[in-house]
Amino acid sequence: MTELTLSPTSATLLFVIACLAGYRYRSVWKNEGPRFQLWIFGLVAAACLLSLGFVPLQVG
């Protein structure tokens, strides 16, 4: 059985996706846009940040 780890490249990609989703969440929120977009961008950002927080990085 293999352990679930993130490579540095995939962790960086997840971080960039989380930042972009958070930025879109904030812009939709400020413009009082549709609620479903808030949910979509919020869940994407949360999922990326949670995976970065709880899945270990691959070392070496």
PDB file of N, CA and C in Angstrom:
ATOM      1  N   MET A   1       0.836  -1.176   0.000  1.00  0.00           N
ATOM      2  CA  MET A   1       0.000   0.000   0.000  1.00  0.00           C
ATOM      3  C   MET A   1       0.885   1.246   0.000  1.00  0.00           C
ATOM      4  N   THR A   2       0.561   2.193  -0.843  1.00  0.00           N
ATOM      5  CA  THR A   2       1.355   3.409  -0.918  1.00  0.00           C
ATOM      6  C   THR A   2       0.715   4.498  -0.085  1.00  0.00           C
ATOM      7  N   GLU A   3       1.559   5.359   0.461  1.00  0.00           N
ATOM      8  CA  GLU A   3       1.055   6.482   1.243  1.00  0.00           C
ATOM      9  C   GLU A   3       0.661   7.622   0.325  1.00  0.00           C
ATOM     10  N   LEU A   4      -0.304   8.371   0.758  1.00  0.00           N
ATOM     11  CA  LEU A   4      -0.754   9.532   0.006  1.00  0.00           C
ATOM     12  C   LEU A   4       0.117  10.725   0.385  1.00  0.00           C
ATOM     13  N   THR A   5       0.889  11.233  -0.579  1.00  0.00           N
ATOM     14  CA  THR A   5       1.728  12.402  -0.352  1.00  0.00           C
ATOM     15  C   THR A   5       1.583  13.352  -1.535  1.00  0.00           C
ATOM     16  N   LEU A   6       1.905  14.598  -1.288  1.00  0.00           N
ATOM     17  CA  LEU A   6       1.888  15.613  -2.341  1.00  0.00           C
ATOM     18  C   LEU A   6       3.312  15.936  -2.766  1.00  0.00           C
ATOM     19  N   SER A   7       3.534  15.991  -4.051  1.00  0.00           N
ATOM     20  CA  SER A   7       4.829  16.458  -4.529  1.00  0.00           C
ATOM     21  C   SER A   7       4.865  17.976  -4.381  1.00  0.00           C
ATOM     22  N   PRO A   8       6.047  18.571  -4.344  1.00  0.00           N
ATOM     23  CA  PRO A   8       6.120  20.028  -4.240  1.00  0.00           C
ATOM     24  C   PRO A   8       5.400  20.748  -5.382  1.00  0.00           C
ATOM     25  N   THR A   9       5.430  20.170  -6.578  1.00  0.00           N
ATOM     26  CA  THR A   9       4.751  20.786  -7.718  1.00  0.00           C
ATOM     27  C   THR A   9       3.242  20.764  -7.539  1.00  0.00           C
ATOM     28  N   SER A  10       2.711  19.624  -7.116  1.00  0.00           N
ATOM     29  CA  SER A  10       1.257  19.542  -6.922  1.00  0.00           C
ATOM     30  C   SER A  10       0.810  20.407  -5.741  1.00  0.00           C
ATOM     31  N   ALA A  11       1.624  20.514  -4.706  1.00  0.00           N
ATOM     32  CA  ALA A  11       1.279  21.379  -3.577  1.00  0.00           C
ATOM     33  C   ALA A  11       1.253  22.846  -4.012  1.00  0.00           C
ATOM     34  N   THR A  12       2.199  23.234  -4.839  1.00  0.00           N
ATOM     35  CA  THR A  12       2.214  24.605  -5.351  1.00  0.00           C
ATOM     36  C   THR A  12       0.999  24.865  -6.223  1.00  0.00           C
ATOM     37  N   LEU A  13       0.649  23.904  -7.054  1.00  0.00           N
ATOM     38  CA  LEU A  13      -0.528  24.040  -7.910  1.00  0.00           C
ATOM     39  C   LEU A  13      -1.801  24.155  -7.071  1.00  0.00           C
ATOM     40  N   LEU A  14      -1.936  23.348  -6.034  1.00  0.00           N
ATOM     41  CA  LEU A  14      -3.094  23.441  -5.152  1.00  0.00           C
ATOM     42  C   LEU A  14      -3.151  24.800  -4.453  1.00  0.00           C
ATOM     43  N   PHE A  15      -2.001  25.315  -4.054  1.00  0.00           N
ATOM     44  CA  PHE A  15      -1.960  26.620  -3.394  1.00  0.00           C
ATOM     45  C   PHE A  15      -2.405  27.724  -4.346  1.00  0.00           C
ATOM     46  N   VAL A  16      -1.949  27.667  -5.580  1.00  0.00           N
ATOM     47  CA  VAL A  16      -2.344  28.679  -6.572  1.00  0.00           C
ATOM     48  C   VAL A  16      -3.847  28.586  -6.851  1.00  0.00           C
ATOM     49  N   ILE A  17      -4.383  27.382  -6.978  1.00  0.00           N
ATOM     50  CA  ILE A  17      -5.816  27.207  -7.202  1.00  0.00           C
ATOM     51  C   ILE A  17      -6.601  27.758  -6.014  1.00  0.00           C
ATOM     52  N   ALA A  18      -6.131  27.505  -4.796  1.00  0.00           N
ATOM     53  CA  ALA A  18      -6.813  28.013  -3.605  1.00  0.00           C
ATOM     54  C   ALA A  18      -6.798  29.536  -3.577  1.00  0.00           C
ATOM     55  N   CYS A  19      -5.688  30.141  -3.954  1.00  0.00           N
ATOM     56  CA  CYS A  19      -5.606  31.605  -3.983  1.00  0.00           C
ATOM     57  C   CYS A  19      -6.553  32.187  -5.025  1.00  0.00           C
ATOM     58  N   LEU A  20      -6.581  31.597  -6.204  1.00  0.00           N
ATOM     59  CA  LEU A  20      -7.472  32.101  -7.256  1.00  0.00           C
ATOM     60  C   LEU A  20      -8.938  31.910  -6.885  1.00  0.00           C
ATOM     61  N   ALA A  21      -9.275  30.771  -6.298  1.00  0.00           N
ATOM     62  CA  ALA A  21     -10.660  30.537  -5.884  1.00  0.00           C
ATOM     63  C   ALA A  21     -11.055  31.488  -4.762  1.00  0.00           C
ATOM     64  N   GLY A  22     -10.148  31.754  -3.843  1.00  0.00           N
ATOM     65  CA  GLY A  22     -10.429  32.708  -2.770  1.00  0.00           C
ATOM     66  C   GLY A  22     -10.618  34.115  -3.297  1.00  0.00           C
ATOM     67  N   TYR A  23      -9.817  34.487  -4.283  1.00  0.00           N
ATOM     68  CA  TYR A  23      -9.962  35.809  -4.908  1.00  0.00           C
ATOM     69  C   TYR A  23     -11.308  35.935  -5.609  1.00  0.00           C
ATOM     70  N   ARG A  24     -11.714  34.891  -6.337  1.00  0.00           N
ATOM     71  CA  ARG A  24     -13.018  34.912  -7.015  1.00  0.00           C
ATOM     72  C   ARG A  24     -14.166  34.909  -5.995  1.00  0.00           C
ATOM     73  N   TYR A  25     -13.999  34.165  -4.895  1.00  0.00           N
ATOM     74  CA  TYR A  25     -15.002  34.167  -3.835  1.00  0.00           C
ATOM     75  C   TYR A  25     -15.203  35.584  -3.307  1.00  0.00           C
ATOM     76  N   ARG A  26     -14.107  36.257  -3.037  1.00  0.00           N
ATOM     77  CA  ARG A  26     -14.195  37.613  -2.490  1.00  0.00           C
ATOM     78  C   ARG A  26     -14.826  38.580  -3.482  1.00  0.00           C
ATOM     79  N   SER A  27     -14.485  38.464  -4.755  1.00  0.00           N
ATOM     80  CA  SER A  27     -15.054  39.376  -5.744  1.00  0.00           C
ATOM     81  C   SER A  27     -16.551  39.133  -5.946  1.00  0.00           C
ATOM     82  N   VAL A  28     -16.979  37.872  -5.925  1.00  0.00           N
ATOM     83  CA  VAL A  28     -18.408  37.572  -6.044  1.00  0.00           C
ATOM     84  C   VAL A  28     -19.143  38.068  -4.800  1.00  0.00           C
ATOM     85  N   TRP A  29     -18.526  37.904  -3.638  1.00  0.00           N
ATOM     86  CA  TRP A  29     -19.141  38.343  -2.391  1.00  0.00           C
ATOM     87  C   TRP A  29     -19.313  39.858  -2.358  1.00  0.00           C
ATOM     88  N   LYS A  30     -18.270  40.596  -2.776  1.00  0.00           N
ATOM     89  CA  LYS A  30     -18.340  42.060  -2.769  1.00  0.00           C
ATOM     90  C   LYS A  30     -19.366  42.585  -3.761  1.00  0.00           C
ATOM     91  N   ASN A  31     -19.484  41.929  -4.899  1.00  0.00           N
ATOM     92  CA  ASN A  31     -20.445  42.362  -5.924  1.00  0.00           C
ATOM     93  C   ASN A  31     -21.839  41.791  -5.700  1.00  0.00           C
ATOM     94  N   GLU A  32     -22.017  41.058  -4.599  1.00  0.00           N
ATOM     95  CA  GLU A  32     -23.287  40.416  -4.263  1.00  0.00           C
ATOM     96  C   GLU A  32     -23.803  39.564  -5.420  1.00  0.00           C
ATOM     97  N   GLY A  33     -22.915  38.711  -5.903  1.00  0.00           N
ATOM     98  CA  GLY A  33     -23.249  37.828  -7.012  1.00  0.00           C
ATOM     99  C   GLY A  33     -24.082  36.643  -6.564  1.00  0.00           C
ATOM    100  N   PRO A  34     -24.283  35.702  -7.477  1.00  0.00           N
ATOM    101  CA  PRO A  34     -25.108  34.526  -7.177  1.00  0.00           C
ATOM    102  C   PRO A  34     -24.516  33.673  -6.053  1.00  0.00           C
ATOM    103  N   ARG A  35     -25.394  33.163  -5.211  1.00  0.00           N
ATOM    104  CA  ARG A  35     -24.964  32.351  -4.066  1.00  0.00           C
ATOM    105  C   ARG A  35     -24.256  31.069  -4.487  1.00  0.00           C
ATOM    106  N   PHE A  36     -24.692  30.463  -5.590  1.00  0.00           N
ATOM    107  CA  PHE A  36     -24.074  29.197  -5.986  1.00  0.00           C
ATOM    108  C   PHE A  36     -22.604  29.383  -6.329  1.00  0.00           C
ATOM    109  N   GLN A  37     -22.246  30.565  -6.862  1.00  0.00           N
ATOM    110  CA  GLN A  37     -20.833  30.819  -7.144  1.00  0.00           C
ATOM    111  C   GLN A  37     -20.032  30.952  -5.856  1.00  0.00           C
ATOM    112  N   LEU A  38     -20.631  31.544  -4.832  1.00  0.00           N
ATOM    113  CA  LEU A  38     -19.949  31.614  -3.534  1.00  0.00           C
ATOM    114  C   LEU A  38     -19.659  30.218  -3.008  1.00  0.00           C
ATOM    115  N   TRP A  39     -20.636  29.329  -3.124  1.00  0.00           N
ATOM    116  CA  TRP A  39     -20.445  27.965  -2.656  1.00  0.00           C
ATOM    117  C   TRP A  39     -19.370  27.244  -3.453  1.00  0.00           C
ATOM    118  N   ILE A  40     -19.400  27.408  -4.759  1.00  0.00           N
ATOM    119  CA  ILE A  40     -18.423  26.713  -5.610  1.00  0.00           C
ATOM    120  C   ILE A  40     -17.010  27.170  -5.289  1.00  0.00           C
ATOM    121  N   PHE A  41     -16.778  28.490  -5.316  1.00  0.00           N
ATOM    122  CA  PHE A  41     -15.430  28.996  -5.071  1.00  0.00           C
ATOM    123  C   PHE A  41     -14.985  28.757  -3.631  1.00  0.00           C
ATOM    124  N   GLY A  42     -15.911  28.853  -2.694  1.00  0.00           N
ATOM    125  CA  GLY A  42     -15.567  28.595  -1.299  1.00  0.00           C
ATOM    126  C   GLY A  42     -15.191  27.148  -1.060  1.00  0.00           C
ATOM    127  N   LEU A  43     -15.935  26.233  -1.651  1.00  0.00           N
ATOM    128  CA  LEU A  43     -15.627  24.813  -1.469  1.00  0.00           C
ATOM    129  C   LEU A  43     -14.322  24.415  -2.151  1.00  0.00           C
ATOM    130  N   VAL A  44     -14.061  24.995  -3.322  1.00  0.00           N
ATOM    131  CA  VAL A  44     -12.789  24.697  -4.007  1.00  0.00           C
ATOM    132  C   VAL A  44     -11.613  25.190  -3.167  1.00  0.00           C
ATOM    133  N   ALA A  45     -11.710  26.416  -2.671  1.00  0.00           N
ATOM    134  CA  ALA A  45     -10.631  26.965  -1.844  1.00  0.00           C
ATOM    135  C   ALA A  45     -10.454  26.155  -0.566  1.00  0.00           C
ATOM    136  N   ALA A  46     -11.565  25.805   0.075  1.00  0.00           N
ATOM    137  CA  ALA A  46     -11.484  25.030   1.317  1.00  0.00           C
ATOM    138  C   ALA A  46     -10.880  23.649   1.081  1.00  0.00           C
ATOM    139  N   ALA A  47     -11.291  22.989   0.011  1.00  0.00           N
ATOM    140  CA  ALA A  47     -10.760  21.650  -0.277  1.00  0.00           C
ATOM    141  C   ALA A  47      -9.253  21.703  -0.548  1.00  0.00           C
ATOM    142  N   CYS A  48      -8.829  22.700  -1.298  1.00  0.00           N
ATOM    143  CA  CYS A  48      -7.392  22.821  -1.587  1.00  0.00           C
ATOM    144  C   CYS A  48      -6.608  23.099  -0.315  1.00  0.00           C
ATOM    145  N   LEU A  49      -7.089  24.016   0.511  1.00  0.00           N
ATOM    146  CA  LEU A  49      -6.352  24.358   1.727  1.00  0.00           C
ATOM    147  C   LEU A  49      -6.370  23.216   2.738  1.00  0.00           C
ATOM    148  N   LEU A  50      -7.475  22.497   2.831  1.00  0.00           N
ATOM    149  CA  LEU A  50      -7.517  21.351   3.737  1.00  0.00           C
ATOM    150  C   LEU A  50      -6.580  20.241   3.279  1.00  0.00           C
ATOM    151  N   SER A  51      -6.519  20.011   1.970  1.00  0.00           N
ATOM    152  CA  SER A  51      -5.595  18.975   1.488  1.00  0.00           C
ATOM    153  C   SER A  51      -4.146  19.398   1.702  1.00  0.00           C
ATOM    154  N   LEU A  52      -3.859  20.685   1.553  1.00  0.00           N
ATOM    155  CA  LEU A  52      -2.501  21.158   1.839  1.00  0.00           C
ATOM    156  C   LEU A  52      -2.166  21.032   3.320  1.00  0.00           C
ATOM    157  N   GLY A  53      -3.164  21.222   4.160  1.00  0.00           N
ATOM    158  CA  GLY A  53      -2.926  21.155   5.592  1.00  0.00           C
ATOM    159  C   GLY A  53      -2.789  19.745   6.139  1.00  0.00           C
ATOM    160  N   PHE A  54      -3.473  18.782   5.540  1.00  0.00           N
ATOM    161  CA  PHE A  54      -3.523  17.442   6.130  1.00  0.00           C
ATOM    162  C   PHE A  54      -2.819  16.354   5.341  1.00  0.00           C
ATOM    163  N   VAL A  55      -2.455  16.601   4.092  1.00  0.00           N
ATOM    164  CA  VAL A  55      -1.721  15.599   3.318  1.00  0.00           C
ATOM    165  C   VAL A  55      -0.240  15.983   3.343  1.00  0.00           C
ATOM    166  N   PRO A  56       0.623  15.074   3.776  1.00  0.00           N
ATOM    167  CA  PRO A  56       2.039  15.424   3.893  1.00  0.00           C
ATOM    168  C   PRO A  56       2.719  15.618   2.541  1.00  0.00           C
ATOM    169  N   LEU A  57       3.780  16.433   2.564  1.00  0.00           N
ATOM    170  CA  LEU A  57       4.592  16.654   1.385  1.00  0.00           C
ATOM    171  C   LEU A  57       5.564  15.514   1.185  1.00  0.00           C
ATOM    172  N   GLN A  58       5.856  15.233  -0.055  1.00  0.00           N
ATOM    173  CA  GLN A  58       6.834  14.202  -0.400  1.00  0.00           C
ATOM    174  C   GLN A  58       8.232  14.779  -0.179  1.00  0.00           C
ATOM    175  N   VAL A  59       9.050  14.078   0.594  1.00  0.00           N
ATOM    176  CA  VAL A  59      10.396  14.543   0.894  1.00  0.00           C
ATOM    177  C   VAL A  59      11.400  13.636   0.192  1.00  0.00           C
ATOM    178  N   GLY A  60      12.344  14.274  -0.481  1.00  0.00           N
ATOM    179  CA  GLY A  60      13.404  13.505  -1.121  1.00  0.00           C
ATOM    180  C   GLY A  60      12.986  12.913  -2.339  1.00  0.00           C
TER     181      GLY A  60
END
